[in-house]
Structure formats: C-alpha cells, structure tokens
C-alpha cells in the first residue's frame, strides 16, 4: 500500500513553475535563483510532483491571517 502525500490535509499545494513563470518571479523580486530558500530533490513532495534539480516550486498555504500565503523554493541536490 502506498500513501499519497499530496492528499494529506497538512501538506499545502505545491506546483513547479514553468521557465517563463520562474523568469518573471526572479525579475519581479530582482533576485537570483540561488537566493531562494531551498528544497531537497529527495523531499517526499518534490518526488511526488516530479521536481528536478533547478526547478522552482511554488507553495500555496491557507493562512488564518493572510488568507493565502505563497512561498517559493529552489530544488537542489544537496544543501551546502
């Protein structure tokens, strides 16, 4: 029996940004990919959504104060 981590109520929505979306994000915030918080390629959610090293993942959480909170993570092989 295999458990689908993406259906768990405590796991927020994750999606991989397209190249165009990633470029727009970096330009909007005037940052480089390497300045984003990191997520390991071995993370269970990264595996479940098929994220590869170098991808940017958008995480959308429900927030009692903000309504919706959005965060971004850079997928990396290892954290140095």
PDB file of N, CA and C in Angstrom:
ATOM      1  N   UNK A   1       0.855  -1.174   0.000  1.00  0.00           N
ATOM      2  CA  UNK A   1       0.000   0.000   0.000  1.00  0.00           C
ATOM      3  C   UNK A   1       0.903   1.241   0.000  1.00  0.00           C
ATOM      4  N   UNK A   2       0.603   2.164  -0.882  1.00  0.00           N
ATOM      5  CA  UNK A   2       1.393   3.384  -0.985  1.00  0.00           C
ATOM      6  C   UNK A   2       0.531   4.578  -0.576  1.00  0.00           C
ATOM      7  N   UNK A   3       1.123   5.493   0.183  1.00  0.00           N
ATOM      8  CA  UNK A   3       0.413   6.668   0.686  1.00  0.00           C
ATOM      9  C   UNK A   3       0.658   7.849  -0.249  1.00  0.00           C
ATOM     10  N   UNK A   4      -0.407   8.552  -0.649  1.00  0.00           N
ATOM     11  CA  UNK A   4      -0.276   9.741  -1.497  1.00  0.00           C
ATOM     12  C   UNK A   4      -0.129  10.965  -0.600  1.00  0.00           C
ATOM     13  N   UNK A   5       1.107  11.418  -0.456  1.00  0.00           N
ATOM     14  CA  UNK A   5       1.418  12.540   0.438  1.00  0.00           C
ATOM     15  C   UNK A   5       0.690  13.824   0.037  1.00  0.00           C
ATOM     16  N   UNK A   6       0.411  14.000  -1.242  1.00  0.00           N
ATOM     17  CA  UNK A   6      -0.232  15.231  -1.723  1.00  0.00           C
ATOM     18  C   UNK A   6      -1.682  15.357  -1.272  1.00  0.00           C
ATOM     19  N   UNK A   7      -2.288  14.263  -0.831  1.00  0.00           N
ATOM     20  CA  UNK A   7      -3.681  14.307  -0.391  1.00  0.00           C
ATOM     21  C   UNK A   7      -3.813  14.515   1.116  1.00  0.00           C
ATOM     22  N   UNK A   8      -2.686  14.573   1.815  1.00  0.00           N
ATOM     23  CA  UNK A   8      -2.742  14.774   3.271  1.00  0.00           C
ATOM     24  C   UNK A   8      -3.154  16.213   3.569  1.00  0.00           C
ATOM     25  N   UNK A   9      -3.999  16.400   4.575  1.00  0.00           N
ATOM     26  CA  UNK A   9      -4.544  17.726   4.878  1.00  0.00           C
ATOM     27  C   UNK A   9      -3.490  18.724   5.367  1.00  0.00           C
ATOM     28  N   UNK A  10      -2.355  18.252   5.854  1.00  0.00           N
ATOM     29  CA  UNK A  10      -1.325  19.159   6.343  1.00  0.00           C
ATOM     30  C   UNK A  10      -0.287  19.527   5.285  1.00  0.00           C
ATOM     31  N   UNK A  11      -0.383  18.942   4.106  1.00  0.00           N
ATOM     32  CA  UNK A  11       0.562  19.245   3.024  1.00  0.00           C
ATOM     33  C   UNK A  11      -0.077  20.288   2.104  1.00  0.00           C
ATOM     34  N   UNK A  12       0.524  21.480   2.017  1.00  0.00           N
ATOM     35  CA  UNK A  12      -0.048  22.525   1.158  1.00  0.00           C
ATOM     36  C   UNK A  12       0.146  22.190  -0.324  1.00  0.00           C
ATOM     37  N   UNK A  13      -0.524  22.951  -1.162  1.00  0.00           N
ATOM     38  CA  UNK A  13      -0.428  22.753  -2.617  1.00  0.00           C
ATOM     39  C   UNK A  13       0.972  23.152  -3.100  1.00  0.00           C
ATOM     40  N   UNK A  14       1.588  22.292  -3.890  1.00  0.00           N
ATOM     41  CA  UNK A  14       2.904  22.544  -4.489  1.00  0.00           C
ATOM     42  C   UNK A  14       2.760  22.453  -5.998  1.00  0.00           C
ATOM     43  N   UNK A  15       3.431  23.351  -6.717  1.00  0.00           N
ATOM     44  CA  UNK A  15       3.458  23.257  -8.179  1.00  0.00           C
ATOM     45  C   UNK A  15       4.801  23.754  -8.693  1.00  0.00           C
ATOM     46  N   UNK A  16       5.244  23.143  -9.783  1.00  0.00           N
ATOM     47  CA  UNK A  16       6.512  23.531 -10.399  1.00  0.00           C
ATOM     48  C   UNK A  16       6.234  24.674 -11.360  1.00  0.00           C
ATOM     49  N   UNK A  17       7.017  25.753 -11.255  1.00  0.00           N
ATOM     50  CA  UNK A  17       6.852  26.889 -12.154  1.00  0.00           C
ATOM     51  C   UNK A  17       7.435  26.567 -13.529  1.00  0.00           C
ATOM     52  N   UNK A  18       6.792  27.091 -14.567  1.00  0.00           N
ATOM     53  CA  UNK A  18       7.346  26.972 -15.907  1.00  0.00           C
ATOM     54  C   UNK A  18       8.551  27.906 -16.003  1.00  0.00           C
ATOM     55  N   UNK A  19       9.339  27.768 -17.047  1.00  0.00           N
ATOM     56  CA  UNK A  19      10.509  28.639 -17.218  1.00  0.00           C
ATOM     57  C   UNK A  19      10.092  30.099 -17.279  1.00  0.00           C
ATOM     58  N   UNK A  20       8.994  30.380 -17.959  1.00  0.00           N
ATOM     59  CA  UNK A  20       8.510  31.759 -18.093  1.00  0.00           C
ATOM     60  C   UNK A  20       8.070  32.313 -16.734  1.00  0.00           C
ATOM     61  N   UNK A  21       7.345  31.498 -15.972  1.00  0.00           N
ATOM     62  CA  UNK A  21       6.898  31.933 -14.644  1.00  0.00           C
ATOM     63  C   UNK A  21       8.088  32.168 -13.718  1.00  0.00           C
ATOM     64  N   UNK A  22       9.085  31.284 -13.794  1.00  0.00           N
ATOM     65  CA  UNK A  22      10.277  31.423 -12.955  1.00  0.00           C
ATOM     66  C   UNK A  22      11.030  32.706 -13.296  1.00  0.00           C
ATOM     67  N   UNK A  23      11.195  32.985 -14.591  1.00  0.00           N
ATOM     68  CA  UNK A  23      11.888  34.208 -15.012  1.00  0.00           C
ATOM     69  C   UNK A  23      11.146  35.446 -14.537  1.00  0.00           C
ATOM     70  N   UNK A  24       9.825  35.426 -14.645  1.00  0.00           N
ATOM     71  CA  UNK A  24       9.008  36.560 -14.208  1.00  0.00           C
ATOM     72  C   UNK A  24       9.148  36.765 -12.692  1.00  0.00           C
ATOM     73  N   UNK A  25       9.129  35.679 -11.933  1.00  0.00           N
ATOM     74  CA  UNK A  25       9.286  35.754 -10.478  1.00  0.00           C
ATOM     75  C   UNK A  25      10.627  36.383 -10.108  1.00  0.00           C
ATOM     76  N   UNK A  26      11.703  35.896 -10.717  1.00  0.00           N
ATOM     77  CA  UNK A  26      13.043  36.401 -10.405  1.00  0.00           C
ATOM     78  C   UNK A  26      13.186  37.866 -10.794  1.00  0.00           C
ATOM     79  N   UNK A  27      12.581  38.237 -11.916  1.00  0.00           N
ATOM     80  CA  UNK A  27      12.649  39.636 -12.368  1.00  0.00           C
ATOM     81  C   UNK A  27      11.824  40.541 -11.446  1.00  0.00           C
ATOM     82  N   UNK A  28      10.644  40.077 -11.051  1.00  0.00           N
ATOM     83  CA  UNK A  28       9.765  40.863 -10.179  1.00  0.00           C
ATOM     84  C   UNK A  28      10.455  41.205  -8.859  1.00  0.00           C
ATOM     85  N   UNK A  29      11.116  40.226  -8.277  1.00  0.00           N
ATOM     86  CA  UNK A  29      11.766  40.435  -6.982  1.00  0.00           C
ATOM     87  C   UNK A  29      13.239  40.814  -7.106  1.00  0.00           C
ATOM     88  N   UNK A  30      13.724  40.915  -8.348  1.00  0.00           N
ATOM     89  CA  UNK A  30      15.112  41.290  -8.625  1.00  0.00           C
ATOM     90  C   UNK A  30      16.091  40.422  -7.824  1.00  0.00           C
ATOM     91  N   UNK A  31      15.911  39.099  -7.956  1.00  0.00           N
ATOM     92  CA  UNK A  31      16.761  38.146  -7.251  1.00  0.00           C
ATOM     93  C   UNK A  31      17.284  37.093  -8.223  1.00  0.00           C
ATOM     94  N   UNK A  32      18.240  36.308  -7.742  1.00  0.00           N
ATOM     95  CA  UNK A  32      18.762  35.167  -8.498  1.00  0.00           C
ATOM     96  C   UNK A  32      18.182  33.903  -7.889  1.00  0.00           C
ATOM     97  N   UNK A  33      18.121  32.844  -8.687  1.00  0.00           N
ATOM     98  CA  UNK A  33      17.597  31.565  -8.211  1.00  0.00           C
ATOM     99  C   UNK A  33      18.232  31.134  -6.892  1.00  0.00           C
ATOM    100  N   UNK A  34      19.544  31.334  -6.813  1.00  0.00           N
ATOM    101  CA  UNK A  34      20.304  30.871  -5.653  1.00  0.00           C
ATOM    102  C   UNK A  34      19.922  31.594  -4.359  1.00  0.00           C
ATOM    103  N   UNK A  35      19.196  32.698  -4.465  1.00  0.00           N
ATOM    104  CA  UNK A  35      18.778  33.444  -3.284  1.00  0.00           C
ATOM    105  C   UNK A  35      17.478  32.912  -2.679  1.00  0.00           C
ATOM    106  N   UNK A  36      16.819  32.003  -3.368  1.00  0.00           N
ATOM    107  CA  UNK A  36      15.577  31.431  -2.851  1.00  0.00           C
ATOM    108  C   UNK A  36      15.877  30.390  -1.772  1.00  0.00           C
ATOM    109  N   UNK A  37      14.947  30.193  -0.850  1.00  0.00           N
ATOM    110  CA  UNK A  37      15.094  29.081   0.095  1.00  0.00           C
ATOM    111  C   UNK A  37      15.148  27.777  -0.702  1.00  0.00           C
ATOM    112  N   UNK A  38      15.729  26.751  -0.118  1.00  0.00           N
ATOM    113  CA  UNK A  38      15.946  25.508  -0.848  1.00  0.00           C
ATOM    114  C   UNK A  38      15.033  24.378  -0.394  1.00  0.00           C
ATOM    115  N   UNK A  39      14.852  23.448  -1.319  1.00  0.00           N
ATOM    116  CA  UNK A  39      14.087  22.228  -1.069  1.00  0.00           C
ATOM    117  C   UNK A  39      14.889  21.096  -1.697  1.00  0.00           C
ATOM    118  N   UNK A  40      15.137  20.048  -0.950  1.00  0.00           N
ATOM    119  CA  UNK A  40      15.910  18.943  -1.493  1.00  0.00           C
ATOM    120  C   UNK A  40      15.126  18.153  -2.539  1.00  0.00           C
ATOM    121  N   UNK A  41      15.827  17.680  -3.538  1.00  0.00           N
ATOM    122  CA  UNK A  41      15.219  16.860  -4.576  1.00  0.00           C
ATOM    123  C   UNK A  41      14.696  15.550  -3.981  1.00  0.00           C
ATOM    124  N   UNK A  42      15.216  15.169  -2.816  1.00  0.00           N
ATOM    125  CA  UNK A  42      14.776  13.948  -2.130  1.00  0.00           C
ATOM    126  C   UNK A  42      13.573  14.183  -1.214  1.00  0.00           C
ATOM    127  N   UNK A  43      13.107  15.424  -1.101  1.00  0.00           N
ATOM    128  CA  UNK A  43      11.923  15.741  -0.293  1.00  0.00           C
ATOM    129  C   UNK A  43      10.747  14.916  -0.839  1.00  0.00           C
ATOM    130  N   UNK A  44       9.947  14.315   0.029  1.00  0.00           N
ATOM    131  CA  UNK A  44       8.826  13.491  -0.448  1.00  0.00           C
ATOM    132  C   UNK A  44       7.873  14.225  -1.401  1.00  0.00           C
ATOM    133  N   UNK A  45       7.604  15.499  -1.145  1.00  0.00           N
ATOM    134  CA  UNK A  45       6.707  16.250  -2.031  1.00  0.00           C
ATOM    135  C   UNK A  45       7.393  16.528  -3.372  1.00  0.00           C
ATOM    136  N   UNK A  46       8.677  16.851  -3.346  1.00  0.00           N
ATOM    137  CA  UNK A  46       9.422  17.074  -4.592  1.00  0.00           C
ATOM    138  C   UNK A  46       9.378  15.822  -5.455  1.00  0.00           C
ATOM    139  N   UNK A  47       9.548  14.674  -4.835  1.00  0.00           N
ATOM    140  CA  UNK A  47       9.468  13.406  -5.575  1.00  0.00           C
ATOM    141  C   UNK A  47       8.064  13.203  -6.143  1.00  0.00           C
ATOM    142  N   UNK A  48       7.047  13.490  -5.320  1.00  0.00           N
ATOM    143  CA  UNK A  48       5.659  13.254  -5.720  1.00  0.00           C
ATOM    144  C   UNK A  48       5.239  14.125  -6.903  1.00  0.00           C
ATOM    145  N   UNK A  49       5.761  15.361  -6.989  1.00  0.00           N
ATOM    146  CA  UNK A  49       5.360  16.243  -8.092  1.00  0.00           C
ATOM    147  C   UNK A  49       6.335  16.168  -9.265  1.00  0.00           C
ATOM    148  N   UNK A  50       7.414  15.395  -9.104  1.00  0.00           N
ATOM    149  CA  UNK A  50       8.372  15.216 -10.187  1.00  0.00           C
ATOM    150  C   UNK A  50       9.335  16.378 -10.350  1.00  0.00           C
ATOM    151  N   UNK A  51       9.635  17.082  -9.270  1.00  0.00           N
ATOM    152  CA  UNK A  51      10.554  18.221  -9.336  1.00  0.00           C
ATOM    153  C   UNK A  51      11.983  17.730  -9.554  1.00  0.00           C
ATOM    154  N   UNK A  52      12.711  18.464 -10.387  1.00  0.00           N
ATOM    155  CA  UNK A  52      14.104  18.144 -10.673  1.00  0.00           C
ATOM    156  C   UNK A  52      14.993  19.266 -10.157  1.00  0.00           C
ATOM    157  N   UNK A  53      16.267  18.969 -10.016  1.00  0.00           N
ATOM    158  CA  UNK A  53      17.226  19.970  -9.567  1.00  0.00           C
ATOM    159  C   UNK A  53      17.156  21.192 -10.483  1.00  0.00           C
ATOM    160  N   UNK A  54      17.070  22.379  -9.876  1.00  0.00           N
ATOM    161  CA  UNK A  54      16.994  23.623 -10.640  1.00  0.00           C
ATOM    162  C   UNK A  54      15.583  24.152 -10.820  1.00  0.00           C
ATOM    163  N   UNK A  55      14.571  23.314 -10.559  1.00  0.00           N
ATOM    164  CA  UNK A  55      13.180  23.771 -10.655  1.00  0.00           C
ATOM    165  C   UNK A  55      12.855  24.710  -9.501  1.00  0.00           C
ATOM    166  N   UNK A  56      11.895  25.598  -9.737  1.00  0.00           N
ATOM    167  CA  UNK A  56      11.363  26.446  -8.670  1.00  0.00           C
ATOM    168  C   UNK A  56       9.951  25.955  -8.383  1.00  0.00           C
ATOM    169  N   UNK A  57       9.695  25.699  -7.103  1.00  0.00           N
ATOM    170  CA  UNK A  57       8.395  25.185  -6.670  1.00  0.00           C
ATOM    171  C   UNK A  57       7.640  26.294  -5.946  1.00  0.00           C
ATOM    172  N   UNK A  58       6.388  26.462  -6.327  1.00  0.00           N
ATOM    173  CA  UNK A  58       5.502  27.429  -5.676  1.00  0.00           C
ATOM    174  C   UNK A  58       4.663  26.661  -4.663  1.00  0.00           C
ATOM    175  N   UNK A  59       4.637  27.157  -3.418  1.00  0.00           N
ATOM    176  CA  UNK A  59       3.888  26.512  -2.341  1.00  0.00           C
ATOM    177  C   UNK A  59       2.792  27.470  -1.888  1.00  0.00           C
ATOM    178  N   UNK A  60       1.556  26.990  -1.934  1.00  0.00           N
ATOM    179  CA  UNK A  60       0.407  27.829  -1.585  1.00  0.00           C
ATOM    180  C   UNK A  60      -0.246  27.246  -0.334  1.00  0.00           C
ATOM    181  N   UNK A  61      -0.219  28.036   0.754  1.00  0.00           N
ATOM    182  CA  UNK A  61      -0.791  27.600   2.028  1.00  0.00           C
ATOM    183  C   UNK A  61      -1.991  28.472   2.392  1.00  0.00           C
ATOM    184  N   UNK A  62      -2.963  27.875   3.059  1.00  0.00           N
ATOM    185  CA  UNK A  62      -4.054  28.656   3.627  1.00  0.00           C
ATOM    186  C   UNK A  62      -3.532  29.279   4.905  1.00  0.00           C
ATOM    187  N   UNK A  63      -3.870  30.555   5.107  1.00  0.00           N
ATOM    188  CA  UNK A  63      -3.389  31.268   6.289  1.00  0.00           C
ATOM    189  C   UNK A  63      -4.560  31.943   6.986  1.00  0.00           C
ATOM    190  N   UNK A  64      -4.661  31.775   8.302  1.00  0.00           N
ATOM    191  CA  UNK A  64      -5.770  32.413   9.017  1.00  0.00           C
ATOM    192  C   UNK A  64      -5.680  33.939   9.007  1.00  0.00           C
ATOM    193  N   UNK A  65      -4.489  34.485   8.872  1.00  0.00           N
ATOM    194  CA  UNK A  65      -4.343  35.938   8.890  1.00  0.00           C
ATOM    195  C   UNK A  65      -4.256  36.540   7.490  1.00  0.00           C
ATOM    196  N   UNK A  66      -3.544  35.891   6.594  1.00  0.00           N
ATOM    197  CA  UNK A  66      -3.353  36.437   5.252  1.00  0.00           C
ATOM    198  C   UNK A  66      -4.340  35.876   4.238  1.00  0.00           C
ATOM    199  N   UNK A  67      -5.071  34.842   4.612  1.00  0.00           N
ATOM    200  CA  UNK A  67      -5.967  34.186   3.656  1.00  0.00           C
ATOM    201  C   UNK A  67      -5.210  33.126   2.883  1.00  0.00           C
ATOM    202  N   UNK A  68      -4.239  33.579   2.079  1.00  0.00           N
ATOM    203  CA  UNK A  68      -3.386  32.669   1.312  1.00  0.00           C
ATOM    204  C   UNK A  68      -1.952  33.173   1.422  1.00  0.00           C
ATOM    205  N   UNK A  69      -1.038  32.270   1.708  1.00  0.00           N
ATOM    206  CA  UNK A  69       0.383  32.610   1.771  1.00  0.00           C
ATOM    207  C   UNK A  69       1.114  31.822   0.688  1.00  0.00           C
ATOM    208  N   UNK A  70       1.936  32.514  -0.093  1.00  0.00           N
ATOM    209  CA  UNK A  70       2.673  31.879  -1.173  1.00  0.00           C
ATOM    210  C   UNK A  70       4.168  31.942  -0.865  1.00  0.00           C
ATOM    211  N   UNK A  71       4.849  30.819  -1.073  1.00  0.00           N
ATOM    212  CA  UNK A  71       6.294  30.747  -0.871  1.00  0.00           C
ATOM    213  C   UNK A  71       6.903  30.040  -2.078  1.00  0.00           C
ATOM    214  N   UNK A  72       8.183  30.266  -2.292  1.00  0.00           N
ATOM    215  CA  UNK A  72       8.892  29.646  -3.408  1.00  0.00           C
ATOM    216  C   UNK A  72      10.127  28.950  -2.881  1.00  0.00           C
ATOM    217  N   UNK A  73      10.478  27.811  -3.494  1.00  0.00           N
ATOM    218  CA  UNK A  73      11.666  27.053  -3.117  1.00  0.00           C
ATOM    219  C   UNK A  73      12.405  26.623  -4.374  1.00  0.00           C
ATOM    220  N   UNK A  74      13.726  26.644  -4.294  1.00  0.00           N
ATOM    221  CA  UNK A  74      14.588  26.145  -5.358  1.00  0.00           C
ATOM    222  C   UNK A  74      14.923  24.702  -5.032  1.00  0.00           C
ATOM    223  N   UNK A  75      14.722  23.810  -5.976  1.00  0.00           N
ATOM    224  CA  UNK A  75      15.016  22.399  -5.766  1.00  0.00           C
ATOM    225  C   UNK A  75      16.502  22.165  -6.004  1.00  0.00           C
ATOM    226  N   UNK A  76      17.165  21.587  -4.985  1.00  0.00           N
ATOM    227  CA  UNK A  76      18.607  21.342  -5.064  1.00  0.00           C
ATOM    228  C   UNK A  76      18.913  19.886  -4.702  1.00  0.00           C
ATOM    229  N   UNK A  77      20.086  19.446  -5.142  1.00  0.00           N
ATOM    230  CA  UNK A  77      20.525  18.080  -4.860  1.00  0.00           C
ATOM    231  C   UNK A  77      20.957  17.931  -3.403  1.00  0.00           C
ATOM    232  N   UNK A  78      21.687  18.943  -2.915  1.00  0.00           N
ATOM    233  CA  UNK A  78      22.117  18.943  -1.533  1.00  0.00           C
ATOM    234  C   UNK A  78      22.225  20.363  -1.026  1.00  0.00           C
ATOM    235  N   UNK A  79      22.063  20.531   0.264  1.00  0.00           N
ATOM    236  CA  UNK A  79      22.180  21.861   0.858  1.00  0.00           C
ATOM    237  C   UNK A  79      23.588  22.009   1.406  1.00  0.00           C
ATOM    238  N   UNK A  80      24.258  23.021   0.928  1.00  0.00           N
ATOM    239  CA  UNK A  80      25.654  23.231   1.311  1.00  0.00           C
ATOM    240  C   UNK A  80      25.733  24.232   2.446  1.00  0.00           C
TER     241      UNK A  80
END
